[in-house]
């Protein structure tokens, strides 16, 4: 079972505050949990509270990601997979690696993010 230390939770809270996502990404209950949990215990052991804190931390981590990183994982990676499958159907045996090529995914992300006409 996972245990969250108070110092880890405080560091997450501090990053969220410094990045100005504390009030934008979290509701009042989530902010209260991350504020009070480290003050009450040194390490969270309750499975219910660990689950709640984990969900909040995932939410904070997602909010801390840059817009380009989110776009890359949500749009460019699936697009790279589609292009890879099409190229494989056309007989390109090396195309199976394209979906996992970080450079190709980054290229697609930058092109689509900047609305450059590529593979429409």
N, C-alpha and C. Protein backbone atom coordinates (compact mmCIF):
# COMPACT_ATOMS: atom_id res chain seq x y z
N UNK A 1 0.83 -1.18 0.00
CA UNK A 1 0.00 0.00 0.00
C UNK A 1 0.88 1.25 0.00
N UNK A 2 0.42 2.26 -0.67
CA UNK A 2 1.17 3.52 -0.78
C UNK A 2 0.94 4.36 0.47
N UNK A 3 1.98 5.02 0.91
CA UNK A 3 1.88 5.99 2.00
C UNK A 3 2.40 7.32 1.49
N UNK A 4 1.65 8.37 1.69
CA UNK A 4 2.09 9.70 1.31
C UNK A 4 2.62 10.41 2.55
N UNK A 5 3.85 10.88 2.48
CA UNK A 5 4.43 11.60 3.61
C UNK A 5 3.93 13.04 3.59
N UNK A 6 3.98 13.66 4.74
CA UNK A 6 3.53 15.04 4.84
C UNK A 6 4.43 15.97 4.03
N UNK A 7 5.71 15.68 3.98
CA UNK A 7 6.62 16.54 3.20
C UNK A 7 6.32 16.45 1.70
N UNK A 8 5.94 15.26 1.22
CA UNK A 8 5.58 15.10 -0.19
C UNK A 8 4.32 15.89 -0.52
N UNK A 9 3.33 15.79 0.34
CA UNK A 9 2.07 16.51 0.11
C UNK A 9 2.31 18.02 0.16
N UNK A 10 3.14 18.46 1.10
CA UNK A 10 3.45 19.89 1.19
C UNK A 10 4.18 20.38 -0.06
N UNK A 11 5.05 19.55 -0.62
CA UNK A 11 5.77 19.95 -1.83
C UNK A 11 4.81 20.06 -3.02
N UNK A 12 3.85 19.14 -3.11
CA UNK A 12 2.84 19.21 -4.17
C UNK A 12 2.02 20.48 -4.01
N UNK A 13 1.63 20.76 -2.78
CA UNK A 13 0.84 21.96 -2.49
C UNK A 13 1.61 23.22 -2.87
N UNK A 14 2.89 23.24 -2.52
CA UNK A 14 3.72 24.41 -2.82
C UNK A 14 3.87 24.61 -4.33
N UNK A 15 4.08 23.52 -5.06
CA UNK A 15 4.19 23.62 -6.53
C UNK A 15 2.90 24.15 -7.15
N UNK A 16 1.76 23.67 -6.63
CA UNK A 16 0.47 24.12 -7.15
C UNK A 16 0.25 25.60 -6.86
N UNK A 17 0.64 26.04 -5.68
CA UNK A 17 0.50 27.45 -5.33
C UNK A 17 1.41 28.32 -6.19
N UNK A 18 2.65 27.91 -6.35
CA UNK A 18 3.60 28.70 -7.14
C UNK A 18 3.24 28.75 -8.62
N UNK A 19 2.61 27.69 -9.10
CA UNK A 19 2.22 27.63 -10.51
C UNK A 19 0.86 28.28 -10.77
N UNK A 20 0.24 28.76 -9.72
CA UNK A 20 -1.05 29.44 -9.79
C UNK A 20 -2.18 28.55 -10.29
N UNK A 21 -2.09 27.26 -9.99
CA UNK A 21 -3.18 26.36 -10.36
C UNK A 21 -3.95 25.90 -9.12
N UNK A 22 -3.52 26.32 -7.96
CA UNK A 22 -4.13 25.88 -6.69
C UNK A 22 -5.63 26.17 -6.69
N UNK A 23 -6.03 27.37 -7.08
CA UNK A 23 -7.44 27.74 -7.08
C UNK A 23 -8.13 27.42 -8.40
N UNK A 24 -7.37 27.33 -9.48
CA UNK A 24 -7.97 27.04 -10.79
C UNK A 24 -8.32 25.57 -10.95
N UNK A 25 -7.43 24.69 -10.52
CA UNK A 25 -7.60 23.26 -10.80
C UNK A 25 -8.31 22.50 -9.68
N UNK A 26 -8.24 23.01 -8.46
CA UNK A 26 -8.78 22.26 -7.32
C UNK A 26 -9.98 22.96 -6.71
N UNK A 27 -10.95 22.16 -6.28
CA UNK A 27 -12.09 22.75 -5.58
C UNK A 27 -11.73 22.91 -4.09
N UNK A 28 -12.64 23.49 -3.33
CA UNK A 28 -12.33 23.81 -1.93
C UNK A 28 -12.09 22.56 -1.08
N UNK A 29 -12.80 21.48 -1.35
CA UNK A 29 -12.60 20.24 -0.59
C UNK A 29 -11.23 19.64 -0.86
N UNK A 30 -10.81 19.65 -2.13
CA UNK A 30 -9.49 19.12 -2.48
C UNK A 30 -8.37 19.96 -1.87
N UNK A 31 -8.55 21.27 -1.90
CA UNK A 31 -7.55 22.14 -1.28
C UNK A 31 -7.49 21.89 0.23
N UNK A 32 -8.62 21.68 0.85
CA UNK A 32 -8.67 21.42 2.29
C UNK A 32 -7.95 20.12 2.63
N UNK A 33 -8.15 19.09 1.82
CA UNK A 33 -7.50 17.81 2.08
C UNK A 33 -5.98 17.97 2.01
N UNK A 34 -5.49 18.65 0.96
CA UNK A 34 -4.04 18.82 0.84
C UNK A 34 -3.46 19.77 1.87
N UNK A 35 -4.28 20.62 2.43
CA UNK A 35 -3.80 21.53 3.47
C UNK A 35 -3.80 20.86 4.84
N UNK A 36 -4.86 20.13 5.15
CA UNK A 36 -5.00 19.56 6.49
C UNK A 36 -4.29 18.23 6.70
N UNK A 37 -4.21 17.41 5.68
CA UNK A 37 -3.61 16.08 5.84
C UNK A 37 -2.19 16.13 6.39
N UNK A 38 -1.30 16.97 5.86
CA UNK A 38 0.06 16.99 6.41
C UNK A 38 0.14 17.57 7.83
N UNK A 39 -0.84 18.36 8.20
CA UNK A 39 -0.85 18.94 9.54
C UNK A 39 -1.30 17.93 10.59
N UNK A 40 -2.08 16.93 10.14
CA UNK A 40 -2.65 15.96 11.08
C UNK A 40 -1.77 14.73 11.28
N UNK A 41 -1.13 14.26 10.23
CA UNK A 41 -0.33 13.03 10.32
C UNK A 41 0.98 13.20 9.56
N UNK A 42 1.97 12.38 9.95
CA UNK A 42 3.25 12.40 9.24
C UNK A 42 3.18 11.62 7.93
N UNK A 43 2.43 10.54 7.93
CA UNK A 43 2.25 9.73 6.73
C UNK A 43 0.81 9.23 6.69
N UNK A 44 0.17 9.39 5.55
CA UNK A 44 -1.21 8.95 5.41
C UNK A 44 -1.23 7.45 5.19
N UNK A 45 -1.97 6.75 6.04
CA UNK A 45 -2.05 5.29 5.96
C UNK A 45 -3.45 4.79 5.63
N UNK A 46 -4.44 5.61 5.84
CA UNK A 46 -5.83 5.22 5.57
C UNK A 46 -6.02 5.01 4.06
N UNK A 47 -6.51 3.83 3.66
CA UNK A 47 -6.71 3.57 2.22
C UNK A 47 -7.66 4.56 1.56
N UNK A 48 -8.68 4.99 2.28
CA UNK A 48 -9.64 5.93 1.73
C UNK A 48 -9.00 7.30 1.50
N UNK A 49 -8.22 7.75 2.46
CA UNK A 49 -7.55 9.04 2.33
C UNK A 49 -6.42 8.97 1.31
N UNK A 50 -5.71 7.85 1.25
CA UNK A 50 -4.65 7.67 0.25
C UNK A 50 -5.25 7.76 -1.15
N UNK A 51 -6.42 7.14 -1.36
CA UNK A 51 -7.08 7.18 -2.65
C UNK A 51 -7.48 8.61 -3.01
N UNK A 52 -8.04 9.33 -2.06
CA UNK A 52 -8.46 10.71 -2.30
C UNK A 52 -7.27 11.60 -2.63
N UNK A 53 -6.19 11.46 -1.86
CA UNK A 53 -4.99 12.27 -2.09
C UNK A 53 -4.36 11.92 -3.44
N UNK A 54 -4.34 10.65 -3.78
CA UNK A 54 -3.76 10.23 -5.06
C UNK A 54 -4.52 10.86 -6.23
N UNK A 55 -5.84 10.88 -6.15
CA UNK A 55 -6.64 11.49 -7.22
C UNK A 55 -6.36 12.98 -7.33
N UNK A 56 -6.21 13.63 -6.19
CA UNK A 56 -5.92 15.07 -6.20
C UNK A 56 -4.54 15.33 -6.79
N UNK A 57 -3.57 14.50 -6.44
CA UNK A 57 -2.20 14.66 -6.94
C UNK A 57 -2.17 14.46 -8.46
N UNK A 58 -2.93 13.49 -8.95
CA UNK A 58 -3.01 13.29 -10.40
C UNK A 58 -3.62 14.52 -11.07
N UNK A 59 -4.63 15.08 -10.44
CA UNK A 59 -5.27 16.28 -10.98
C UNK A 59 -4.29 17.45 -11.02
N UNK A 60 -3.51 17.61 -9.97
CA UNK A 60 -2.50 18.68 -9.92
C UNK A 60 -1.42 18.44 -10.97
N UNK A 61 -0.98 17.20 -11.09
CA UNK A 61 0.06 16.88 -12.07
C UNK A 61 -0.42 17.16 -13.49
N UNK A 62 -1.66 16.85 -13.77
CA UNK A 62 -2.22 17.13 -15.10
C UNK A 62 -2.30 18.63 -15.35
N UNK A 63 -2.67 19.39 -14.33
CA UNK A 63 -2.76 20.84 -14.47
C UNK A 63 -1.39 21.48 -14.63
N UNK A 64 -0.36 20.86 -14.08
CA UNK A 64 1.00 21.40 -14.18
C UNK A 64 1.64 21.16 -15.55
N UNK A 65 1.08 20.22 -16.30
CA UNK A 65 1.63 19.94 -17.62
C UNK A 65 1.39 21.12 -18.55
N UNK A 66 2.33 21.36 -19.45
CA UNK A 66 2.18 22.45 -20.39
C UNK A 66 1.10 22.11 -21.41
N UNK A 67 0.52 23.12 -22.03
CA UNK A 67 -0.49 22.85 -23.05
C UNK A 67 0.03 21.98 -24.20
N UNK A 68 1.28 22.18 -24.57
CA UNK A 68 1.86 21.38 -25.65
C UNK A 68 2.01 19.92 -25.23
N UNK A 69 2.39 19.67 -23.97
CA UNK A 69 2.50 18.29 -23.49
C UNK A 69 1.15 17.60 -23.49
N UNK A 70 0.11 18.30 -23.04
CA UNK A 70 -1.23 17.73 -23.05
C UNK A 70 -1.70 17.46 -24.48
N UNK A 71 -1.42 18.39 -25.36
CA UNK A 71 -1.80 18.24 -26.76
C UNK A 71 -1.06 17.06 -27.39
N UNK A 72 0.20 16.91 -27.03
CA UNK A 72 1.00 15.81 -27.58
C UNK A 72 0.41 14.46 -27.18
N UNK A 73 0.02 14.30 -25.93
CA UNK A 73 -0.50 13.01 -25.49
C UNK A 73 -1.93 12.76 -25.94
N UNK A 74 -2.73 13.81 -26.06
CA UNK A 74 -4.14 13.63 -26.38
C UNK A 74 -4.43 13.65 -27.88
N UNK A 75 -3.63 14.37 -28.65
CA UNK A 75 -3.91 14.51 -30.08
C UNK A 75 -2.81 13.91 -30.95
N UNK A 76 -1.57 14.30 -30.70
CA UNK A 76 -0.48 13.91 -31.59
C UNK A 76 -0.15 12.42 -31.51
N UNK A 77 -0.17 11.84 -30.32
CA UNK A 77 0.16 10.41 -30.20
C UNK A 77 -0.87 9.53 -30.92
N UNK A 78 -2.19 9.77 -30.75
CA UNK A 78 -3.15 8.99 -31.52
C UNK A 78 -3.03 9.21 -33.03
N UNK A 79 -2.71 10.45 -33.43
CA UNK A 79 -2.52 10.74 -34.85
C UNK A 79 -1.32 9.98 -35.40
N UNK A 80 -0.25 9.91 -34.63
CA UNK A 80 0.94 9.15 -35.06
C UNK A 80 0.61 7.67 -35.21
N UNK A 81 -0.22 7.14 -34.32
CA UNK A 81 -0.63 5.74 -34.43
C UNK A 81 -1.44 5.50 -35.70
N UNK A 82 -2.36 6.41 -36.02
CA UNK A 82 -3.16 6.27 -37.24
C UNK A 82 -2.28 6.33 -38.48
N UNK A 83 -1.37 7.29 -38.51
CA UNK A 83 -0.47 7.42 -39.67
C UNK A 83 0.40 6.18 -39.79
N UNK A 84 0.86 5.66 -38.67
CA UNK A 84 1.67 4.45 -38.67
C UNK A 84 0.89 3.26 -39.23
N UNK A 85 -0.35 3.10 -38.82
CA UNK A 85 -1.18 2.00 -39.32
C UNK A 85 -1.44 2.13 -40.82
N UNK A 86 -1.70 3.33 -41.27
CA UNK A 86 -1.94 3.55 -42.70
C UNK A 86 -0.69 3.20 -43.51
N UNK A 87 0.46 3.66 -43.04
CA UNK A 87 1.71 3.37 -43.75
C UNK A 87 2.03 1.88 -43.74
N UNK A 88 1.70 1.19 -42.65
CA UNK A 88 1.91 -0.25 -42.60
C UNK A 88 1.01 -0.98 -43.60
N UNK A 89 -0.22 -0.50 -43.75
CA UNK A 89 -1.14 -1.10 -44.72
C UNK A 89 -0.64 -0.90 -46.15
N UNK A 90 0.08 0.19 -46.37
CA UNK A 90 0.63 0.47 -47.69
C UNK A 90 1.91 -0.33 -47.95
N UNK A 91 2.39 -1.06 -46.93
CA UNK A 91 3.54 -1.92 -47.12
C UNK A 91 4.84 -1.41 -46.52
N UNK A 92 4.81 -0.30 -45.81
CA UNK A 92 6.02 0.22 -45.18
C UNK A 92 6.26 -0.54 -43.87
N UNK A 93 7.26 -1.38 -43.85
CA UNK A 93 7.52 -2.22 -42.66
C UNK A 93 8.13 -1.42 -41.52
N UNK A 94 8.79 -0.34 -41.80
CA UNK A 94 9.41 0.47 -40.74
C UNK A 94 8.40 1.39 -40.05
N UNK A 95 7.21 1.51 -40.61
CA UNK A 95 6.21 2.44 -40.07
C UNK A 95 5.69 2.03 -38.70
N UNK A 96 5.89 0.78 -38.31
CA UNK A 96 5.39 0.35 -37.00
C UNK A 96 6.08 1.09 -35.86
N UNK A 97 7.28 1.59 -36.12
CA UNK A 97 8.03 2.32 -35.09
C UNK A 97 7.62 3.79 -34.99
N UNK A 98 6.92 4.31 -35.98
CA UNK A 98 6.57 5.72 -36.00
C UNK A 98 5.70 6.12 -34.81
N UNK A 99 4.79 5.27 -34.42
CA UNK A 99 3.87 5.61 -33.33
C UNK A 99 4.61 5.81 -32.01
N UNK A 100 5.80 5.21 -31.88
CA UNK A 100 6.57 5.30 -30.63
C UNK A 100 7.76 6.24 -30.76
N UNK A 101 7.92 6.85 -31.92
CA UNK A 101 9.03 7.77 -32.16
C UNK A 101 8.68 9.13 -31.56
N UNK A 102 9.39 9.51 -30.51
CA UNK A 102 9.08 10.76 -29.81
C UNK A 102 9.27 11.97 -30.71
N UNK A 103 10.25 11.91 -31.58
CA UNK A 103 10.48 13.02 -32.51
C UNK A 103 9.33 13.20 -33.48
N UNK A 104 8.80 12.10 -34.00
CA UNK A 104 7.67 12.17 -34.93
C UNK A 104 6.42 12.68 -34.22
N UNK A 105 6.17 12.20 -33.02
CA UNK A 105 5.01 12.67 -32.24
C UNK A 105 5.16 14.15 -31.92
N UNK A 106 6.37 14.58 -31.57
CA UNK A 106 6.61 15.99 -31.28
C UNK A 106 6.40 16.85 -32.53
N UNK A 107 6.87 16.35 -33.67
CA UNK A 107 6.67 17.07 -34.94
C UNK A 107 5.19 17.25 -35.23
N UNK A 108 4.41 16.17 -35.10
CA UNK A 108 2.97 16.26 -35.33
C UNK A 108 2.31 17.21 -34.35
N UNK A 109 2.74 17.16 -33.10
CA UNK A 109 2.15 18.03 -32.08
C UNK A 109 2.40 19.49 -32.40
N UNK A 110 3.61 19.82 -32.77
CA UNK A 110 3.94 21.22 -33.06
C UNK A 110 3.19 21.69 -34.31
N UNK A 111 3.13 20.84 -35.32
CA UNK A 111 2.41 21.22 -36.55
C UNK A 111 0.93 21.41 -36.29
N UNK A 112 0.30 20.46 -35.61
CA UNK A 112 -1.13 20.58 -35.34
C UNK A 112 -1.42 21.68 -34.33
N UNK A 113 -0.55 21.84 -33.35
CA UNK A 113 -0.74 22.87 -32.32
C UNK A 113 -0.69 24.26 -32.94
N UNK A 114 0.20 24.43 -33.90
CA UNK A 114 0.32 25.72 -34.58
C UNK A 114 -0.59 25.80 -35.80
N UNK A 115 -1.43 24.79 -35.99
CA UNK A 115 -2.42 24.73 -37.06
C UNK A 115 -1.76 24.76 -38.44
N UNK A 116 -0.66 24.07 -38.57
CA UNK A 116 -0.01 23.90 -39.86
C UNK A 116 -0.70 22.73 -40.55
N UNK A 117 -1.00 22.89 -41.83
CA UNK A 117 -1.70 21.84 -42.56
C UNK A 117 -0.75 20.66 -42.79
N UNK A 118 -1.00 19.59 -42.04
CA UNK A 118 -0.22 18.36 -42.17
C UNK A 118 -1.19 17.19 -42.08
N UNK A 119 -1.19 16.36 -43.05
CA UNK A 119 -1.96 15.12 -43.05
C UNK A 119 -3.45 15.36 -42.74
N UNK A 120 -4.07 16.25 -43.43
CA UNK A 120 -5.51 16.47 -43.21
C UNK A 120 -6.33 15.62 -44.11
